[in-house]
Amino acid sequence: MHSPTSGAPHQVSSPADIEARLTAELASVVAGARRRALRDGDRQLDTAHLLHSLMESDPEVRAAFEDGPQVARVLGYLVQRSIGYGLRWQGSVEDSGAVPLMTQPGWSPSALTALEYALRRAAARGGDRVTGRDLLAALAADPECRAVQVFQHAGVDAAALTESLGEPSLPGRLGEATQQA
């Protein structure tokens, strides 16, 4: 996603460190996203893979949307992507401005940063485990990630979604916002 504000170097957690702090349900979401990325022929798990798996498996995430038709449009766009209409993303690395140090094999920089943001969000609310709503808030907060592109195509206002999830509207970049979390 985006680089943190200048100053101290940004330490990136390994995917294994992050996954150890996920709920069982969210660990299943990540596993599903990984399978989807492999099946789609993508080199890296990206934020759209995470969103797709999250939308399919978490009723609390689906309930965060304004109405049923929004959920159907998001899932419809994600399904179209998985059957080939998202080929413009295939083979490319999702990077909406991440620090070069944030690369991890098998993960897009944006997906890894979204999980880190979700961890910080969970900690800020006093939780020791990340929930699907934490991850949804993280995905919706990065205006340049693929998950937000999906929202745009489906007619979902990502900023309004972020706000409804209990996050302030984040006009800046997610990396900058995470410094405040």
N, C-alpha and C. Protein backbone atom coordinates (compact mmCIF):
# COMPACT_ATOMS: atom_id res chain seq x y z
N MET A 1 0.84 -1.16 0.00
CA MET A 1 0.00 0.00 0.00
C MET A 1 0.89 1.22 0.00
N HIS A 2 0.82 2.03 1.00
CA HIS A 2 1.57 3.27 0.96
C HIS A 2 2.64 3.31 2.01
N SER A 3 3.64 4.09 1.71
CA SER A 3 4.75 4.18 2.63
C SER A 3 4.33 4.94 3.88
N PRO A 4 4.86 4.53 5.00
CA PRO A 4 4.59 5.27 6.22
C PRO A 4 5.23 6.64 6.12
N THR A 5 4.85 7.50 7.01
CA THR A 5 5.44 8.83 6.99
C THR A 5 6.93 8.71 7.20
N SER A 6 7.67 9.68 6.70
CA SER A 6 9.12 9.60 6.79
C SER A 6 9.58 9.59 8.23
N GLY A 7 10.76 9.09 8.43
CA GLY A 7 11.29 9.01 9.78
C GLY A 7 11.85 7.62 10.02
N ALA A 8 11.33 6.95 11.01
CA ALA A 8 11.84 5.63 11.36
C ALA A 8 11.61 4.63 10.24
N PRO A 9 12.55 3.71 10.05
CA PRO A 9 12.34 2.69 9.02
C PRO A 9 11.14 1.82 9.37
N HIS A 10 10.47 1.35 8.34
CA HIS A 10 9.27 0.54 8.52
C HIS A 10 9.66 -0.93 8.58
N GLN A 11 9.34 -1.59 9.68
CA GLN A 11 9.59 -3.02 9.81
C GLN A 11 8.37 -3.77 9.32
N VAL A 12 8.60 -4.71 8.44
CA VAL A 12 7.51 -5.47 7.87
C VAL A 12 7.42 -6.82 8.56
N SER A 13 6.23 -7.13 9.02
CA SER A 13 6.00 -8.44 9.61
C SER A 13 5.99 -9.47 8.51
N SER A 14 6.40 -10.67 8.86
CA SER A 14 6.32 -11.74 7.87
C SER A 14 4.87 -12.20 7.79
N PRO A 15 4.47 -12.75 6.65
CA PRO A 15 3.10 -13.27 6.56
C PRO A 15 2.80 -14.28 7.66
N ALA A 16 3.78 -15.10 8.04
CA ALA A 16 3.55 -16.10 9.10
C ALA A 16 3.26 -15.42 10.43
N ASP A 17 3.99 -14.33 10.73
CA ASP A 17 3.74 -13.59 11.98
C ASP A 17 2.33 -13.00 11.98
N ILE A 18 1.94 -12.46 10.85
CA ILE A 18 0.61 -11.86 10.74
C ILE A 18 -0.46 -12.94 10.86
N GLU A 19 -0.29 -14.03 10.12
CA GLU A 19 -1.30 -15.09 10.12
C GLU A 19 -1.48 -15.71 11.49
N ALA A 20 -0.46 -15.70 12.33
CA ALA A 20 -0.57 -16.27 13.68
C ALA A 20 -1.54 -15.47 14.55
N ARG A 21 -1.82 -14.21 14.19
CA ARG A 21 -2.70 -13.37 15.00
C ARG A 21 -4.11 -13.28 14.43
N LEU A 22 -4.41 -14.05 13.41
CA LEU A 22 -5.74 -14.02 12.81
C LEU A 22 -6.67 -14.98 13.53
N THR A 23 -7.96 -14.67 13.51
CA THR A 23 -8.94 -15.63 14.00
C THR A 23 -8.92 -16.84 13.08
N ALA A 24 -9.47 -17.94 13.53
CA ALA A 24 -9.54 -19.14 12.69
C ALA A 24 -10.31 -18.83 11.41
N GLU A 25 -11.37 -18.05 11.53
CA GLU A 25 -12.17 -17.71 10.36
C GLU A 25 -11.37 -16.89 9.36
N LEU A 26 -10.59 -15.92 9.87
CA LEU A 26 -9.82 -15.08 8.97
C LEU A 26 -8.63 -15.83 8.38
N ALA A 27 -8.07 -16.76 9.14
CA ALA A 27 -7.01 -17.61 8.60
C ALA A 27 -7.56 -18.42 7.43
N SER A 28 -8.80 -18.86 7.54
CA SER A 28 -9.45 -19.58 6.45
C SER A 28 -9.66 -18.66 5.24
N VAL A 29 -9.97 -17.40 5.49
CA VAL A 29 -10.12 -16.41 4.41
C VAL A 29 -8.79 -16.27 3.66
N VAL A 30 -7.69 -16.15 4.41
CA VAL A 30 -6.38 -16.00 3.78
C VAL A 30 -6.04 -17.26 2.98
N ALA A 31 -6.32 -18.42 3.53
CA ALA A 31 -6.06 -19.67 2.81
C ALA A 31 -6.89 -19.73 1.52
N GLY A 32 -8.15 -19.31 1.60
CA GLY A 32 -9.00 -19.28 0.41
C GLY A 32 -8.49 -18.29 -0.62
N ALA A 33 -8.01 -17.14 -0.17
CA ALA A 33 -7.46 -16.14 -1.09
C ALA A 33 -6.20 -16.68 -1.76
N ARG A 34 -5.39 -17.40 -1.00
CA ARG A 34 -4.17 -17.99 -1.56
C ARG A 34 -4.53 -19.01 -2.64
N ARG A 35 -5.52 -19.86 -2.36
CA ARG A 35 -5.96 -20.85 -3.36
C ARG A 35 -6.50 -20.15 -4.60
N ARG A 36 -7.26 -19.09 -4.39
CA ARG A 36 -7.83 -18.35 -5.51
C ARG A 36 -6.72 -17.76 -6.38
N ALA A 37 -5.70 -17.19 -5.76
CA ALA A 37 -4.58 -16.61 -6.50
C ALA A 37 -3.88 -17.68 -7.34
N LEU A 38 -3.64 -18.84 -6.73
CA LEU A 38 -3.01 -19.94 -7.46
C LEU A 38 -3.87 -20.40 -8.63
N ARG A 39 -5.17 -20.58 -8.37
CA ARG A 39 -6.10 -21.03 -9.40
C ARG A 39 -6.18 -20.02 -10.54
N ASP A 40 -6.10 -18.73 -10.21
CA ASP A 40 -6.18 -17.68 -11.23
C ASP A 40 -4.87 -17.49 -11.98
N GLY A 41 -3.82 -18.17 -11.53
CA GLY A 41 -2.53 -18.03 -12.19
C GLY A 41 -1.79 -16.76 -11.78
N ASP A 42 -2.15 -16.18 -10.66
CA ASP A 42 -1.49 -14.96 -10.19
C ASP A 42 -0.28 -15.34 -9.34
N ARG A 43 0.77 -14.56 -9.48
CA ARG A 43 1.99 -14.82 -8.71
C ARG A 43 1.83 -14.45 -7.25
N GLN A 44 0.95 -13.51 -6.98
CA GLN A 44 0.81 -13.02 -5.61
C GLN A 44 -0.65 -12.91 -5.21
N LEU A 45 -0.87 -13.15 -3.94
CA LEU A 45 -2.18 -12.91 -3.33
C LEU A 45 -2.33 -11.39 -3.23
N ASP A 46 -3.43 -10.85 -3.76
CA ASP A 46 -3.62 -9.40 -3.72
C ASP A 46 -4.88 -9.05 -2.92
N THR A 47 -5.18 -7.77 -2.83
CA THR A 47 -6.31 -7.33 -2.02
C THR A 47 -7.65 -7.77 -2.60
N ALA A 48 -7.73 -7.94 -3.91
CA ALA A 48 -8.98 -8.43 -4.50
C ALA A 48 -9.19 -9.91 -4.15
N HIS A 49 -8.12 -10.69 -4.09
CA HIS A 49 -8.25 -12.09 -3.65
C HIS A 49 -8.74 -12.13 -2.21
N LEU A 50 -8.16 -11.29 -1.36
CA LEU A 50 -8.60 -11.23 0.04
C LEU A 50 -10.06 -10.83 0.14
N LEU A 51 -10.44 -9.81 -0.62
CA LEU A 51 -11.83 -9.34 -0.60
C LEU A 51 -12.78 -10.43 -1.05
N HIS A 52 -12.44 -11.14 -2.11
CA HIS A 52 -13.31 -12.19 -2.64
C HIS A 52 -13.55 -13.27 -1.59
N SER A 53 -12.48 -13.75 -1.01
CA SER A 53 -12.59 -14.79 0.00
C SER A 53 -13.35 -14.29 1.24
N LEU A 54 -13.08 -13.06 1.62
CA LEU A 54 -13.75 -12.45 2.77
C LEU A 54 -15.25 -12.30 2.53
N MET A 55 -15.63 -11.84 1.36
CA MET A 55 -17.05 -11.65 1.02
C MET A 55 -17.79 -12.98 1.00
N GLU A 56 -17.13 -14.02 0.50
CA GLU A 56 -17.78 -15.32 0.41
C GLU A 56 -17.99 -15.98 1.77
N SER A 57 -17.08 -15.71 2.71
CA SER A 57 -17.10 -16.51 3.93
C SER A 57 -17.57 -15.80 5.20
N ASP A 58 -17.67 -14.48 5.20
CA ASP A 58 -17.95 -13.78 6.45
C ASP A 58 -19.26 -13.00 6.39
N PRO A 59 -20.30 -13.50 7.07
CA PRO A 59 -21.59 -12.80 7.05
C PRO A 59 -21.52 -11.41 7.68
N GLU A 60 -20.63 -11.20 8.66
CA GLU A 60 -20.49 -9.87 9.26
C GLU A 60 -19.93 -8.87 8.26
N VAL A 61 -19.07 -9.33 7.38
CA VAL A 61 -18.53 -8.46 6.33
C VAL A 61 -19.64 -8.10 5.36
N ARG A 62 -20.40 -9.09 4.93
CA ARG A 62 -21.50 -8.80 4.00
C ARG A 62 -22.51 -7.85 4.63
N ALA A 63 -22.73 -7.96 5.93
CA ALA A 63 -23.68 -7.09 6.63
C ALA A 63 -23.19 -5.65 6.71
N ALA A 64 -21.91 -5.42 6.49
CA ALA A 64 -21.35 -4.06 6.56
C ALA A 64 -21.76 -3.21 5.36
N PHE A 65 -22.27 -3.83 4.31
CA PHE A 65 -22.65 -3.08 3.12
C PHE A 65 -24.06 -2.54 3.28
N GLU A 66 -24.34 -1.46 2.56
CA GLU A 66 -25.62 -0.77 2.69
C GLU A 66 -26.82 -1.66 2.39
N ASP A 67 -26.68 -2.49 1.38
CA ASP A 67 -27.84 -3.30 0.98
C ASP A 67 -27.37 -4.57 0.28
N GLY A 68 -28.31 -5.49 0.10
CA GLY A 68 -28.03 -6.74 -0.59
C GLY A 68 -27.51 -6.57 -2.00
N PRO A 69 -28.09 -5.64 -2.77
CA PRO A 69 -27.58 -5.47 -4.13
C PRO A 69 -26.11 -5.07 -4.19
N GLN A 70 -25.62 -4.31 -3.20
CA GLN A 70 -24.20 -3.97 -3.19
C GLN A 70 -23.34 -5.22 -3.05
N VAL A 71 -23.75 -6.10 -2.16
CA VAL A 71 -23.02 -7.36 -1.96
C VAL A 71 -23.02 -8.16 -3.25
N ALA A 72 -24.16 -8.24 -3.89
CA ALA A 72 -24.27 -9.00 -5.15
C ALA A 72 -23.39 -8.39 -6.24
N ARG A 73 -23.35 -7.05 -6.32
CA ARG A 73 -22.51 -6.41 -7.34
C ARG A 73 -21.02 -6.65 -7.07
N VAL A 74 -20.61 -6.54 -5.81
CA VAL A 74 -19.20 -6.78 -5.48
C VAL A 74 -18.83 -8.22 -5.81
N LEU A 75 -19.64 -9.17 -5.34
CA LEU A 75 -19.35 -10.57 -5.64
C LEU A 75 -19.40 -10.85 -7.13
N GLY A 76 -20.35 -10.25 -7.83
CA GLY A 76 -20.45 -10.43 -9.27
C GLY A 76 -19.20 -9.96 -10.00
N TYR A 77 -18.69 -8.80 -9.60
CA TYR A 77 -17.48 -8.30 -10.23
C TYR A 77 -16.29 -9.20 -9.90
N LEU A 78 -16.21 -9.66 -8.66
CA LEU A 78 -15.11 -10.54 -8.28
C LEU A 78 -15.16 -11.86 -9.04
N VAL A 79 -16.36 -12.40 -9.24
CA VAL A 79 -16.49 -13.64 -10.01
C VAL A 79 -16.08 -13.40 -11.46
N GLN A 80 -16.49 -12.27 -12.03
CA GLN A 80 -16.08 -11.95 -13.40
C GLN A 80 -14.56 -11.90 -13.50
N ARG A 81 -13.94 -11.31 -12.50
CA ARG A 81 -12.48 -11.22 -12.48
C ARG A 81 -11.87 -12.62 -12.47
N SER A 82 -12.42 -13.49 -11.63
CA SER A 82 -11.83 -14.82 -11.49
C SER A 82 -12.04 -15.70 -12.72
N ILE A 83 -13.02 -15.39 -13.55
CA ILE A 83 -13.22 -16.20 -14.76
C ILE A 83 -12.58 -15.56 -15.99
N GLY A 84 -11.79 -14.51 -15.77
CA GLY A 84 -11.02 -13.99 -16.88
C GLY A 84 -11.18 -12.54 -17.23
N TYR A 85 -12.20 -11.88 -16.70
CA TYR A 85 -12.37 -10.48 -17.04
C TYR A 85 -11.39 -9.57 -16.32
N GLY A 86 -10.65 -10.11 -15.35
CA GLY A 86 -9.67 -9.33 -14.62
C GLY A 86 -8.26 -9.56 -15.12
N LEU A 87 -8.13 -9.97 -16.35
CA LEU A 87 -6.81 -10.31 -16.87
C LEU A 87 -5.85 -9.13 -16.89
N ARG A 88 -6.37 -7.91 -16.85
CA ARG A 88 -5.45 -6.78 -16.85
C ARG A 88 -4.59 -6.78 -15.59
N TRP A 89 -5.04 -7.49 -14.55
CA TRP A 89 -4.25 -7.59 -13.32
C TRP A 89 -3.35 -8.81 -13.33
N GLN A 90 -3.69 -9.81 -14.13
CA GLN A 90 -2.97 -11.08 -14.08
C GLN A 90 -1.50 -10.88 -14.44
N GLY A 91 -0.65 -11.46 -13.63
CA GLY A 91 0.77 -11.39 -13.89
C GLY A 91 1.43 -10.11 -13.43
N SER A 92 0.65 -9.16 -12.93
CA SER A 92 1.24 -7.92 -12.45
C SER A 92 1.20 -7.90 -10.92
N VAL A 93 2.08 -7.12 -10.35
CA VAL A 93 2.16 -7.02 -8.90
C VAL A 93 1.32 -5.83 -8.46
N GLU A 94 0.44 -6.08 -7.50
CA GLU A 94 -0.35 -4.99 -6.94
C GLU A 94 0.54 -4.20 -6.00
N ASP A 95 0.69 -2.93 -6.30
CA ASP A 95 1.48 -2.06 -5.45
C ASP A 95 0.94 -0.66 -5.59
N SER A 96 0.27 -0.21 -4.57
CA SER A 96 -0.30 1.13 -4.63
C SER A 96 0.57 2.14 -3.90
N GLY A 97 1.88 1.95 -3.97
CA GLY A 97 2.81 2.91 -3.40
C GLY A 97 3.59 2.40 -2.21
N ALA A 98 3.64 1.09 -2.04
CA ALA A 98 4.31 0.53 -0.86
C ALA A 98 5.81 0.75 -0.90
N VAL A 99 6.36 0.74 0.28
CA VAL A 99 7.80 0.81 0.41
C VAL A 99 8.39 -0.44 -0.21
N PRO A 100 9.45 -0.34 -0.99
CA PRO A 100 10.03 -1.53 -1.62
C PRO A 100 10.35 -2.65 -0.63
N LEU A 101 10.65 -2.31 0.63
CA LEU A 101 10.96 -3.33 1.62
C LEU A 101 9.77 -4.20 1.99
N MET A 102 8.59 -3.83 1.54
CA MET A 102 7.39 -4.53 1.96
C MET A 102 7.06 -5.74 1.10
N THR A 103 7.95 -6.14 0.25
CA THR A 103 7.65 -7.30 -0.59
C THR A 103 7.91 -8.58 0.18
N GLN A 104 7.03 -9.52 0.03
CA GLN A 104 7.15 -10.85 0.61
C GLN A 104 6.74 -11.83 -0.48
N PRO A 105 7.45 -12.91 -0.64
CA PRO A 105 7.08 -13.87 -1.68
C PRO A 105 5.63 -14.33 -1.51
N GLY A 106 4.89 -14.27 -2.59
CA GLY A 106 3.51 -14.75 -2.58
C GLY A 106 2.47 -13.73 -2.14
N TRP A 107 2.89 -12.56 -1.73
CA TRP A 107 1.95 -11.52 -1.26
C TRP A 107 2.21 -10.23 -2.01
N SER A 108 1.14 -9.55 -2.42
CA SER A 108 1.35 -8.21 -2.97
C SER A 108 1.66 -7.29 -1.79
N PRO A 109 2.43 -6.25 -2.03
CA PRO A 109 2.70 -5.30 -0.94
C PRO A 109 1.42 -4.74 -0.34
N SER A 110 0.42 -4.48 -1.17
CA SER A 110 -0.84 -3.93 -0.67
C SER A 110 -1.58 -4.91 0.22
N ALA A 111 -1.58 -6.19 -0.13
CA ALA A 111 -2.27 -7.19 0.69
C ALA A 111 -1.60 -7.35 2.05
N LEU A 112 -0.28 -7.39 2.05
CA LEU A 112 0.45 -7.53 3.30
C LEU A 112 0.22 -6.31 4.19
N THR A 113 0.25 -5.13 3.60
CA THR A 113 0.03 -3.91 4.39
C THR A 113 -1.40 -3.85 4.91
N ALA A 114 -2.36 -4.34 4.12
CA ALA A 114 -3.75 -4.36 4.60
C ALA A 114 -3.87 -5.25 5.84
N LEU A 115 -3.19 -6.38 5.84
CA LEU A 115 -3.24 -7.25 7.01
C LEU A 115 -2.55 -6.60 8.21
N GLU A 116 -1.45 -5.91 7.97
CA GLU A 116 -0.79 -5.19 9.07
C GLU A 116 -1.71 -4.11 9.63
N TYR A 117 -2.38 -3.38 8.75
CA TYR A 117 -3.31 -2.35 9.17
C TYR A 117 -4.45 -2.97 9.99
N ALA A 118 -4.95 -4.09 9.54
CA ALA A 118 -6.03 -4.77 10.27
C ALA A 118 -5.55 -5.20 11.66
N LEU A 119 -4.30 -5.63 11.76
CA LEU A 119 -3.74 -5.98 13.07
C LEU A 119 -3.72 -4.76 14.00
N ARG A 120 -3.27 -3.64 13.47
CA ARG A 120 -3.23 -2.42 14.28
C ARG A 120 -4.63 -1.97 14.66
N ARG A 121 -5.59 -2.14 13.75
CA ARG A 121 -6.96 -1.76 14.04
C ARG A 121 -7.52 -2.64 15.17
N ALA A 122 -7.24 -3.94 15.09
CA ALA A 122 -7.70 -4.86 16.13
C ALA A 122 -7.08 -4.48 17.48
N ALA A 123 -5.79 -4.17 17.48
CA ALA A 123 -5.12 -3.79 18.72
C ALA A 123 -5.69 -2.49 19.28
N ALA A 124 -6.02 -1.55 18.40
CA ALA A 124 -6.57 -0.26 18.84
C ALA A 124 -7.93 -0.43 19.51
N ARG A 125 -8.68 -1.43 19.08
CA ARG A 125 -9.99 -1.65 19.70
C ARG A 125 -9.89 -2.61 20.88
N GLY A 126 -8.66 -3.02 21.19
CA GLY A 126 -8.45 -3.89 22.34
C GLY A 126 -8.53 -5.36 22.04
N GLY A 127 -8.60 -5.72 20.77
CA GLY A 127 -8.68 -7.13 20.39
C GLY A 127 -7.31 -7.71 20.14
N ASP A 128 -7.15 -8.98 20.42
CA ASP A 128 -5.86 -9.61 20.14
C ASP A 128 -5.89 -10.37 18.83
N ARG A 129 -7.05 -10.51 18.24
CA ARG A 129 -7.19 -11.20 16.95
C ARG A 129 -7.89 -10.29 15.95
N VAL A 130 -7.49 -10.42 14.70
CA VAL A 130 -8.08 -9.64 13.62
C VAL A 130 -9.37 -10.31 13.16
N THR A 131 -10.41 -9.52 12.95
CA THR A 131 -11.68 -10.03 12.44
C THR A 131 -11.83 -9.66 10.96
N GLY A 132 -12.85 -10.21 10.34
CA GLY A 132 -13.14 -9.87 8.95
C GLY A 132 -13.46 -8.40 8.78
N ARG A 133 -14.14 -7.81 9.75
CA ARG A 133 -14.45 -6.37 9.67
C ARG A 133 -13.18 -5.53 9.75
N ASP A 134 -12.19 -5.97 10.53
CA ASP A 134 -10.91 -5.26 10.57
C ASP A 134 -10.26 -5.28 9.20
N LEU A 135 -10.25 -6.44 8.58
CA LEU A 135 -9.64 -6.55 7.26
C LEU A 135 -10.43 -5.77 6.22
N LEU A 136 -11.75 -5.82 6.28
CA LEU A 136 -12.56 -5.04 5.34
C LEU A 136 -12.25 -3.55 5.48
N ALA A 137 -12.14 -3.06 6.71
CA ALA A 137 -11.81 -1.65 6.93
C ALA A 137 -10.44 -1.32 6.33
N ALA A 138 -9.49 -2.22 6.48
CA ALA A 138 -8.16 -2.00 5.93
C ALA A 138 -8.19 -1.96 4.40
N LEU A 139 -8.95 -2.87 3.81
CA LEU A 139 -9.05 -2.89 2.35
C LEU A 139 -9.72 -1.63 1.82
N ALA A 140 -10.78 -1.22 2.47
CA ALA A 140 -11.54 -0.05 2.01
C ALA A 140 -10.78 1.25 2.23
N ALA A 141 -9.81 1.26 3.14
CA ALA A 141 -9.09 2.48 3.47
C ALA A 141 -7.99 2.86 2.48
N ASP A 142 -7.60 1.94 1.61
CA ASP A 142 -6.54 2.25 0.65
C ASP A 142 -7.16 2.57 -0.71
N PRO A 143 -7.24 3.85 -1.05
CA PRO A 143 -7.94 4.23 -2.28
C PRO A 143 -7.31 3.73 -3.57
N GLU A 144 -6.09 3.19 -3.49
CA GLU A 144 -5.41 2.76 -4.70
C GLU A 144 -5.25 1.24 -4.83
N CYS A 145 -5.84 0.48 -3.91
CA CYS A 145 -5.66 -0.97 -4.00
C CYS A 145 -6.72 -1.59 -4.92
N ARG A 146 -6.50 -2.82 -5.29
CA ARG A 146 -7.42 -3.52 -6.20
C ARG A 146 -8.79 -3.75 -5.58
N ALA A 147 -8.83 -3.97 -4.28
CA ALA A 147 -10.13 -4.15 -3.62
C ALA A 147 -10.99 -2.90 -3.78
N VAL A 148 -10.40 -1.73 -3.67
CA VAL A 148 -11.16 -0.49 -3.84
C VAL A 148 -11.55 -0.31 -5.30
N GLN A 149 -10.74 -0.77 -6.23
CA GLN A 149 -11.13 -0.74 -7.64
C GLN A 149 -12.37 -1.61 -7.85
N VAL A 150 -12.43 -2.74 -7.16
CA VAL A 150 -13.61 -3.60 -7.23
C VAL A 150 -14.82 -2.84 -6.68
N PHE A 151 -14.65 -2.20 -5.53
CA PHE A 151 -15.74 -1.41 -4.96
C PHE A 151 -16.22 -0.36 -5.96
N GLN A 152 -15.31 0.34 -6.59
CA GLN A 152 -15.68 1.38 -7.55
C GLN A 152 -16.50 0.79 -8.70
N HIS A 153 -16.05 -0.33 -9.25
CA HIS A 153 -16.78 -0.98 -10.35
C HIS A 153 -18.16 -1.45 -9.91
N ALA A 154 -18.29 -1.79 -8.62
CA ALA A 154 -19.57 -2.28 -8.10
C ALA A 154 -20.45 -1.17 -7.55
N GLY A 155 -19.98 0.06 -7.60
CA GLY A 155 -20.77 1.19 -7.13
C GLY A 155 -20.79 1.35 -5.61
N VAL A 156 -19.75 0.88 -4.93
CA VAL A 156 -19.66 0.99 -3.48
C VAL A 156 -18.71 2.14 -3.16
N ASP A 157 -19.14 3.03 -2.31
CA ASP A 157 -18.31 4.15 -1.86
C ASP A 157 -17.39 3.63 -0.75
N ALA A 158 -16.11 3.44 -1.08
CA ALA A 158 -15.16 2.87 -0.12
C ALA A 158 -14.98 3.77 1.10
N ALA A 159 -14.97 5.08 0.90
CA ALA A 159 -14.81 5.99 2.04
C ALA A 159 -15.99 5.89 2.99
N ALA A 160 -17.20 5.79 2.45
CA ALA A 160 -18.39 5.64 3.29
C ALA A 160 -18.36 4.29 4.01
N LEU A 161 -17.90 3.26 3.32
CA LEU A 161 -17.79 1.94 3.94
C LEU A 161 -16.79 1.99 5.10
N THR A 162 -15.65 2.62 4.87
CA THR A 162 -14.65 2.76 5.93
C THR A 162 -15.24 3.48 7.13
N GLU A 163 -15.94 4.55 6.87
CA GLU A 163 -16.56 5.31 7.96
C GLU A 163 -17.59 4.47 8.71
N SER A 164 -18.38 3.71 8.00
CA SER A 164 -19.41 2.89 8.65
C SER A 164 -18.81 1.78 9.50
N LEU A 165 -17.57 1.41 9.21
CA LEU A 165 -16.89 0.37 9.98
C LEU A 165 -16.22 0.92 11.24
N GLY A 166 -16.45 2.20 11.49
CA GLY A 166 -15.91 2.78 12.70
C GLY A 166 -14.56 3.44 12.52
N GLU A 167 -14.14 3.57 11.30
CA GLU A 167 -12.89 4.25 11.01
C GLU A 167 -13.20 5.67 10.56
N PRO A 168 -12.34 6.61 10.85
CA PRO A 168 -12.53 7.95 10.29
C PRO A 168 -12.31 7.88 8.78
N SER A 169 -12.91 8.78 8.05
CA SER A 169 -12.67 8.85 6.62
C SER A 169 -11.19 9.14 6.42
N LEU A 170 -10.55 8.37 5.59
CA LEU A 170 -9.11 8.51 5.42
C LEU A 170 -8.81 9.15 4.08
N PRO A 171 -8.71 10.48 4.04
CA PRO A 171 -8.47 11.14 2.77
C PRO A 171 -7.07 10.89 2.25
N GLY A 172 -6.13 10.58 3.13
CA GLY A 172 -4.75 10.36 2.72
C GLY A 172 -4.51 8.91 2.40
N ARG A 173 -3.27 8.56 2.42
CA ARG A 173 -2.87 7.19 2.10
C ARG A 173 -2.95 6.32 3.33
N LEU A 174 -3.18 5.04 3.13
CA LEU A 174 -3.33 4.11 4.25
C LEU A 174 -2.09 4.09 5.11
N GLY A 175 -0.92 4.09 4.54
CA GLY A 175 0.30 4.08 5.32
C GLY A 175 0.37 5.26 6.26
N GLU A 176 -0.09 6.43 5.80
CA GLU A 176 -0.10 7.60 6.66
C GLU A 176 -1.14 7.42 7.76
N ALA A 177 -2.26 6.85 7.40
CA ALA A 177 -3.33 6.65 8.38
C ALA A 177 -2.93 5.65 9.44
N THR A 178 -2.16 4.65 9.06
CA THR A 178 -1.78 3.63 10.03
C THR A 178 -0.84 4.19 11.08
N GLN A 179 -0.16 5.26 10.76
CA GLN A 179 0.70 5.89 11.75
C GLN A 179 -0.15 6.51 12.87
N GLN A 180 -1.40 6.85 12.55
CA GLN A 180 -2.30 7.45 13.53
C GLN A 180 -3.02 6.40 14.34
N ALA A 181 -3.10 5.16 13.81
CA ALA A 181 -3.87 4.10 14.46
C ALA A 181 -3.20 3.59 15.72
